[in-house]
Amino acid sequence: MSPADDYEYAPLRIPPGTSRSAAATMLSLQVDVGGWELARLQLHADGTRKAILRRRARLSYLPMPVT
């Protein structure tokens, strides 16, 4: 098993107009409930945020993020 196989990844799109505190709350709920951690966060010119979440593959019994 390679190091890349140790993690599973899930994209999460946060719509434009969402405040920074609301986006942080959304991400923290995914961390608390699903065992995810933030791997990457991109802020696009239109205000959309695209987050890539990751977690250990052994935690796959936990729920996927809700978009």
PDB file of N, CA and C in Angstrom:
ATOM      1  N   MET A   1       0.851  -1.177   0.000  1.00  0.00           N
ATOM      2  CA  MET A   1       0.000   0.000   0.000  1.00  0.00           C
ATOM      3  C   MET A   1       0.896   1.239   0.000  1.00  0.00           C
ATOM      4  N   SER A   2       0.726   2.118  -0.972  1.00  0.00           N
ATOM      5  CA  SER A   2       1.538   3.320  -1.060  1.00  0.00           C
ATOM      6  C   SER A   2       0.973   4.404  -0.127  1.00  0.00           C
ATOM      7  N   PRO A   3       1.767   5.437   0.177  1.00  0.00           N
ATOM      8  CA  PRO A   3       1.268   6.500   1.055  1.00  0.00           C
ATOM      9  C   PRO A   3       0.002   7.181   0.529  1.00  0.00           C
ATOM     10  N   ALA A   4      -0.140   7.276  -0.806  1.00  0.00           N
ATOM     11  CA  ALA A   4      -1.342   7.891  -1.371  1.00  0.00           C
ATOM     12  C   ALA A   4      -2.569   7.027  -1.114  1.00  0.00           C
ATOM     13  N   ASP A   5      -2.386   5.722  -0.991  1.00  0.00           N
ATOM     14  CA  ASP A   5      -3.508   4.823  -0.732  1.00  0.00           C
ATOM     15  C   ASP A   5      -3.962   4.871   0.721  1.00  0.00           C
ATOM     16  N   ASP A   6      -3.184   5.492   1.583  1.00  0.00           N
ATOM     17  CA  ASP A   6      -3.548   5.577   2.990  1.00  0.00           C
ATOM     18  C   ASP A   6      -4.700   6.549   3.236  1.00  0.00           C
ATOM     19  N   TYR A   7      -4.964   7.430   2.278  1.00  0.00           N
ATOM     20  CA  TYR A   7      -5.988   8.452   2.444  1.00  0.00           C
ATOM     21  C   TYR A   7      -7.062   8.323   1.380  1.00  0.00           C
ATOM     22  N   GLU A   8      -8.269   8.751   1.732  1.00  0.00           N
ATOM     23  CA  GLU A   8      -9.314   8.944   0.743  1.00  0.00           C
ATOM     24  C   GLU A   8      -9.625  10.436   0.722  1.00  0.00           C
ATOM     25  N   TYR A   9      -9.998  10.936  -0.442  1.00  0.00           N
ATOM     26  CA  TYR A   9     -10.201  12.364  -0.646  1.00  0.00           C
ATOM     27  C   TYR A   9     -11.634  12.637  -1.059  1.00  0.00           C
ATOM     28  N   ALA A  10     -12.130  13.812  -0.681  1.00  0.00           N
ATOM     29  CA  ALA A  10     -13.480  14.219  -1.057  1.00  0.00           C
ATOM     30  C   ALA A  10     -13.495  15.721  -1.323  1.00  0.00           C
ATOM     31  N   PRO A  11     -14.048  16.129  -2.465  1.00  0.00           N
ATOM     32  CA  PRO A  11     -14.164  17.570  -2.745  1.00  0.00           C
ATOM     33  C   PRO A  11     -15.376  18.156  -2.037  1.00  0.00           C
ATOM     34  N   LEU A  12     -15.269  19.402  -1.675  1.00  0.00           N
ATOM     35  CA  LEU A  12     -16.377  20.122  -1.055  1.00  0.00           C
ATOM     36  C   LEU A  12     -16.393  21.524  -1.650  1.00  0.00           C
ATOM     37  N   ARG A  13     -17.502  21.897  -2.253  1.00  0.00           N
ATOM     38  CA  ARG A  13     -17.642  23.228  -2.859  1.00  0.00           C
ATOM     39  C   ARG A  13     -18.470  24.095  -1.932  1.00  0.00           C
ATOM     40  N   ILE A  14     -17.938  25.266  -1.614  1.00  0.00           N
ATOM     41  CA  ILE A  14     -18.651  26.218  -0.759  1.00  0.00           C
ATOM     42  C   ILE A  14     -19.065  27.380  -1.656  1.00  0.00           C
ATOM     43  N   PRO A  15     -20.351  27.649  -1.774  1.00  0.00           N
ATOM     44  CA  PRO A  15     -20.840  28.629  -2.751  1.00  0.00           C
ATOM     45  C   PRO A  15     -20.372  30.058  -2.450  1.00  0.00           C
ATOM     46  N   PRO A  16     -20.348  30.902  -3.492  1.00  0.00           N
ATOM     47  CA  PRO A  16     -19.977  32.306  -3.293  1.00  0.00           C
ATOM     48  C   PRO A  16     -20.999  32.992  -2.394  1.00  0.00           C
ATOM     49  N   GLY A  17     -20.548  33.970  -1.663  1.00  0.00           N
ATOM     50  CA  GLY A  17     -21.437  34.685  -0.748  1.00  0.00           C
ATOM     51  C   GLY A  17     -21.472  34.086   0.644  1.00  0.00           C
ATOM     52  N   THR A  18     -20.863  32.926   0.814  1.00  0.00           N
ATOM     53  CA  THR A  18     -20.792  32.304   2.136  1.00  0.00           C
ATOM     54  C   THR A  18     -19.713  33.032   2.942  1.00  0.00           C
ATOM     55  N   SER A  19     -20.054  33.455   4.130  1.00  0.00           N
ATOM     56  CA  SER A  19     -19.083  34.183   4.938  1.00  0.00           C
ATOM     57  C   SER A  19     -17.935  33.268   5.375  1.00  0.00           C
ATOM     58  N   ARG A  20     -16.854  33.880   5.740  1.00  0.00           N
ATOM     59  CA  ARG A  20     -15.684  33.117   6.192  1.00  0.00           C
ATOM     60  C   ARG A  20     -16.016  32.295   7.437  1.00  0.00           C
ATOM     61  N   SER A  21     -16.768  32.864   8.358  1.00  0.00           N
ATOM     62  CA  SER A  21     -17.113  32.132   9.578  1.00  0.00           C
ATOM     63  C   SER A  21     -18.067  30.968   9.285  1.00  0.00           C
ATOM     64  N   ALA A  22     -18.998  31.161   8.347  1.00  0.00           N
ATOM     65  CA  ALA A  22     -19.898  30.073   7.972  1.00  0.00           C
ATOM     66  C   ALA A  22     -19.129  28.949   7.279  1.00  0.00           C
ATOM     67  N   ALA A  23     -18.184  29.305   6.421  1.00  0.00           N
ATOM     68  CA  ALA A  23     -17.357  28.293   5.745  1.00  0.00           C
ATOM     69  C   ALA A  23     -16.516  27.526   6.767  1.00  0.00           C
ATOM     70  N   ALA A  24     -15.964  28.236   7.737  1.00  0.00           N
ATOM     71  CA  ALA A  24     -15.172  27.579   8.778  1.00  0.00           C
ATOM     72  C   ALA A  24     -16.039  26.634   9.605  1.00  0.00           C
ATOM     73  N   THR A  25     -17.270  27.028   9.864  1.00  0.00           N
ATOM     74  CA  THR A  25     -18.199  26.169  10.595  1.00  0.00           C
ATOM     75  C   THR A  25     -18.531  24.915   9.802  1.00  0.00           C
ATOM     76  N   MET A  26     -18.763  25.067   8.494  1.00  0.00           N
ATOM     77  CA  MET A  26     -19.047  23.916   7.636  1.00  0.00           C
ATOM     78  C   MET A  26     -17.884  22.927   7.657  1.00  0.00           C
ATOM     79  N   LEU A  27     -16.675  23.461   7.539  1.00  0.00           N
ATOM     80  CA  LEU A  27     -15.496  22.591   7.533  1.00  0.00           C
ATOM     81  C   LEU A  27     -15.282  21.931   8.888  1.00  0.00           C
ATOM     82  N   SER A  28     -15.505  22.663   9.970  1.00  0.00           N
ATOM     83  CA  SER A  28     -15.292  22.068  11.288  1.00  0.00           C
ATOM     84  C   SER A  28     -16.321  20.979  11.591  1.00  0.00           C
ATOM     85  N   LEU A  29     -17.534  21.116  11.061  1.00  0.00           N
ATOM     86  CA  LEU A  29     -18.524  20.051  11.225  1.00  0.00           C
ATOM     87  C   LEU A  29     -18.087  18.778  10.504  1.00  0.00           C
ATOM     88  N   GLN A  30     -17.511  18.921   9.313  1.00  0.00           N
ATOM     89  CA  GLN A  30     -17.015  17.750   8.586  1.00  0.00           C
ATOM     90  C   GLN A  30     -15.879  17.078   9.351  1.00  0.00           C
ATOM     91  N   VAL A  31     -15.034  17.881   9.982  1.00  0.00           N
ATOM     92  CA  VAL A  31     -13.927  17.332  10.773  1.00  0.00           C
ATOM     93  C   VAL A  31     -14.471  16.573  11.974  1.00  0.00           C
ATOM     94  N   ASP A  32     -15.425  17.175  12.686  1.00  0.00           N
ATOM     95  CA  ASP A  32     -15.953  16.558  13.900  1.00  0.00           C
ATOM     96  C   ASP A  32     -16.774  15.305  13.613  1.00  0.00           C
ATOM     97  N   VAL A  33     -17.600  15.350  12.581  1.00  0.00           N
ATOM     98  CA  VAL A  33     -18.528  14.253  12.307  1.00  0.00           C
ATOM     99  C   VAL A  33     -17.898  13.149  11.469  1.00  0.00           C
ATOM    100  N   GLY A  34     -17.143  13.531  10.442  1.00  0.00           N
ATOM    101  CA  GLY A  34     -16.674  12.540   9.487  1.00  0.00           C
ATOM    102  C   GLY A  34     -15.222  12.141   9.606  1.00  0.00           C
ATOM    103  N   GLY A  35     -14.481  12.742  10.517  1.00  0.00           N
ATOM    104  CA  GLY A  35     -13.081  12.389  10.658  1.00  0.00           C
ATOM    105  C   GLY A  35     -12.195  12.955   9.557  1.00  0.00           C
ATOM    106  N   TRP A  36     -12.676  14.001   8.851  1.00  0.00           N
ATOM    107  CA  TRP A  36     -11.927  14.592   7.751  1.00  0.00           C
ATOM    108  C   TRP A  36     -10.944  15.618   8.269  1.00  0.00           C
ATOM    109  N   GLU A  37      -9.930  15.903   7.469  1.00  0.00           N
ATOM    110  CA  GLU A  37      -9.026  17.027   7.710  1.00  0.00           C
ATOM    111  C   GLU A  37      -8.898  17.793   6.407  1.00  0.00           C
ATOM    112  N   LEU A  38      -8.569  19.060   6.526  1.00  0.00           N
ATOM    113  CA  LEU A  38      -8.462  19.921   5.349  1.00  0.00           C
ATOM    114  C   LEU A  38      -7.120  19.677   4.673  1.00  0.00           C
ATOM    115  N   ALA A  39      -7.158  19.243   3.415  1.00  0.00           N
ATOM    116  CA  ALA A  39      -5.927  19.012   2.655  1.00  0.00           C
ATOM    117  C   ALA A  39      -5.583  20.232   1.807  1.00  0.00           C
ATOM    118  N   ARG A  40      -6.612  20.888   1.242  1.00  0.00           N
ATOM    119  CA  ARG A  40      -6.375  22.050   0.381  1.00  0.00           C
ATOM    120  C   ARG A  40      -7.629  22.905   0.357  1.00  0.00           C
ATOM    121  N   LEU A  41      -7.419  24.211   0.300  1.00  0.00           N
ATOM    122  CA  LEU A  41      -8.536  25.146   0.178  1.00  0.00           C
ATOM    123  C   LEU A  41      -8.168  26.176  -0.869  1.00  0.00           C
ATOM    124  N   GLN A  42      -9.049  26.354  -1.851  1.00  0.00           N
ATOM    125  CA  GLN A  42      -8.824  27.333  -2.913  1.00  0.00           C
ATOM    126  C   GLN A  42      -9.969  28.331  -2.908  1.00  0.00           C
ATOM    127  N   LEU A  43      -9.629  29.601  -3.046  1.00  0.00           N
ATOM    128  CA  LEU A  43     -10.628  30.652  -3.180  1.00  0.00           C
ATOM    129  C   LEU A  43     -10.565  31.141  -4.620  1.00  0.00           C
ATOM    130  N   HIS A  44     -11.679  31.010  -5.331  1.00  0.00           N
ATOM    131  CA  HIS A  44     -11.731  31.405  -6.736  1.00  0.00           C
ATOM    132  C   HIS A  44     -12.182  32.855  -6.862  1.00  0.00           C
ATOM    133  N   ALA A  45     -11.959  33.437  -8.041  1.00  0.00           N
ATOM    134  CA  ALA A  45     -12.262  34.847  -8.276  1.00  0.00           C
ATOM    135  C   ALA A  45     -13.741  35.167  -8.093  1.00  0.00           C
ATOM    136  N   ASP A  46     -14.622  34.205  -8.367  1.00  0.00           N
ATOM    137  CA  ASP A  46     -16.056  34.453  -8.212  1.00  0.00           C
ATOM    138  C   ASP A  46     -16.541  34.304  -6.774  1.00  0.00           C
ATOM    139  N   GLY A  47     -15.641  33.975  -5.844  1.00  0.00           N
ATOM    140  CA  GLY A  47     -16.003  33.840  -4.437  1.00  0.00           C
ATOM    141  C   GLY A  47     -16.256  32.410  -4.001  1.00  0.00           C
ATOM    142  N   THR A  48     -16.251  31.482  -4.943  1.00  0.00           N
ATOM    143  CA  THR A  48     -16.437  30.075  -4.615  1.00  0.00           C
ATOM    144  C   THR A  48     -15.193  29.542  -3.922  1.00  0.00           C
ATOM    145  N   ARG A  49     -15.404  28.763  -2.881  1.00  0.00           N
ATOM    146  CA  ARG A  49     -14.284  28.090  -2.218  1.00  0.00           C
ATOM    147  C   ARG A  49     -14.361  26.611  -2.564  1.00  0.00           C
ATOM    148  N   LYS A  50     -13.235  26.030  -2.898  1.00  0.00           N
ATOM    149  CA  LYS A  50     -13.178  24.601  -3.174  1.00  0.00           C
ATOM    150  C   LYS A  50     -12.221  23.980  -2.164  1.00  0.00           C
ATOM    151  N   ALA A  51     -12.757  23.091  -1.351  1.00  0.00           N
ATOM    152  CA  ALA A  51     -11.963  22.425  -0.324  1.00  0.00           C
ATOM    153  C   ALA A  51     -11.773  20.970  -0.729  1.00  0.00           C
ATOM    154  N   ILE A  52     -10.587  20.460  -0.488  1.00  0.00           N
ATOM    155  CA  ILE A  52     -10.313  19.041  -0.646  1.00  0.00           C
ATOM    156  C   ILE A  52     -10.078  18.504   0.761  1.00  0.00           C
ATOM    157  N   LEU A  53     -10.924  17.573   1.163  1.00  0.00           N
ATOM    158  CA  LEU A  53     -10.827  16.965   2.488  1.00  0.00           C
ATOM    159  C   LEU A  53     -10.183  15.594   2.344  1.00  0.00           C
ATOM    160  N   ARG A  54      -9.473  15.168   3.368  1.00  0.00           N
ATOM    161  CA  ARG A  54      -8.898  13.832   3.342  1.00  0.00           C
ATOM    162  C   ARG A  54      -9.036  13.190   4.710  1.00  0.00           C
ATOM    163  N   ARG A  55      -9.020  11.873   4.706  1.00  0.00           N
ATOM    164  CA  ARG A  55      -9.040  11.114   5.950  1.00  0.00           C
ATOM    165  C   ARG A  55      -8.372   9.769   5.684  1.00  0.00           C
ATOM    166  N   ARG A  56      -7.965   9.143   6.725  1.00  0.00           N
ATOM    167  CA  ARG A  56      -7.357   7.817   6.605  1.00  0.00           C
ATOM    168  C   ARG A  56      -8.370   6.858   6.005  1.00  0.00           C
ATOM    169  N   ALA A  57      -7.922   5.994   5.134  1.00  0.00           N
ATOM    170  CA  ALA A  57      -8.815   5.055   4.454  1.00  0.00           C
ATOM    171  C   ALA A  57      -9.495   4.119   5.440  1.00  0.00           C
ATOM    172  N   ARG A  58      -8.887   3.871   6.569  1.00  0.00           N
ATOM    173  CA  ARG A  58      -9.485   2.960   7.548  1.00  0.00           C
ATOM    174  C   ARG A  58     -10.732   3.555   8.205  1.00  0.00           C
ATOM    175  N   LEU A  59     -10.977   4.837   8.017  1.00  0.00           N
ATOM    176  CA  LEU A  59     -12.154   5.488   8.591  1.00  0.00           C
ATOM    177  C   LEU A  59     -13.305   5.563   7.590  1.00  0.00           C
ATOM    178  N   SER A  60     -13.301   4.723   6.584  1.00  0.00           N
ATOM    179  CA  SER A  60     -14.278   4.815   5.505  1.00  0.00           C
ATOM    180  C   SER A  60     -15.705   4.487   5.954  1.00  0.00           C
ATOM    181  N   TYR A  61     -15.894   3.967   7.141  1.00  0.00           N
ATOM    182  CA  TYR A  61     -17.241   3.689   7.630  1.00  0.00           C
ATOM    183  C   TYR A  61     -17.946   4.965   8.075  1.00  0.00           C
ATOM    184  N   LEU A  62     -17.222   6.071   8.189  1.00  0.00           N
ATOM    185  CA  LEU A  62     -17.815   7.347   8.567  1.00  0.00           C
ATOM    186  C   LEU A  62     -18.459   8.000   7.344  1.00  0.00           C
ATOM    187  N   PRO A  63     -19.408   8.904   7.537  1.00  0.00           N
ATOM    188  CA  PRO A  63     -20.142   9.496   6.401  1.00  0.00           C
ATOM    189  C   PRO A  63     -19.277  10.387   5.517  1.00  0.00           C
ATOM    190  N   MET A  64     -19.649  10.467   4.234  1.00  0.00           N
ATOM    191  CA  MET A  64     -19.002  11.363   3.284  1.00  0.00           C
ATOM    192  C   MET A  64     -19.519  12.779   3.528  1.00  0.00           C
ATOM    193  N   PRO A  65     -18.788  13.815   3.082  1.00  0.00           N
ATOM    194  CA  PRO A  65     -19.261  15.182   3.262  1.00  0.00           C
ATOM    195  C   PRO A  65     -20.538  15.432   2.489  1.00  0.00           C
ATOM    196  N   VAL A  66     -21.375  16.281   3.043  1.00  0.00           N
ATOM    197  CA  VAL A  66     -22.617  16.665   2.394  1.00  0.00           C
ATOM    198  C   VAL A  66     -22.369  17.981   1.687  1.00  0.00           C
ATOM    199  N   THR A  67     -22.621  18.014   0.391  1.00  0.00           N
ATOM    200  CA  THR A  67     -22.366  19.250  -0.365  1.00  0.00           C
ATOM    201  C   THR A  67     -23.599  20.086  -0.514  1.00  0.00           C
TER     202      THR A  67
END
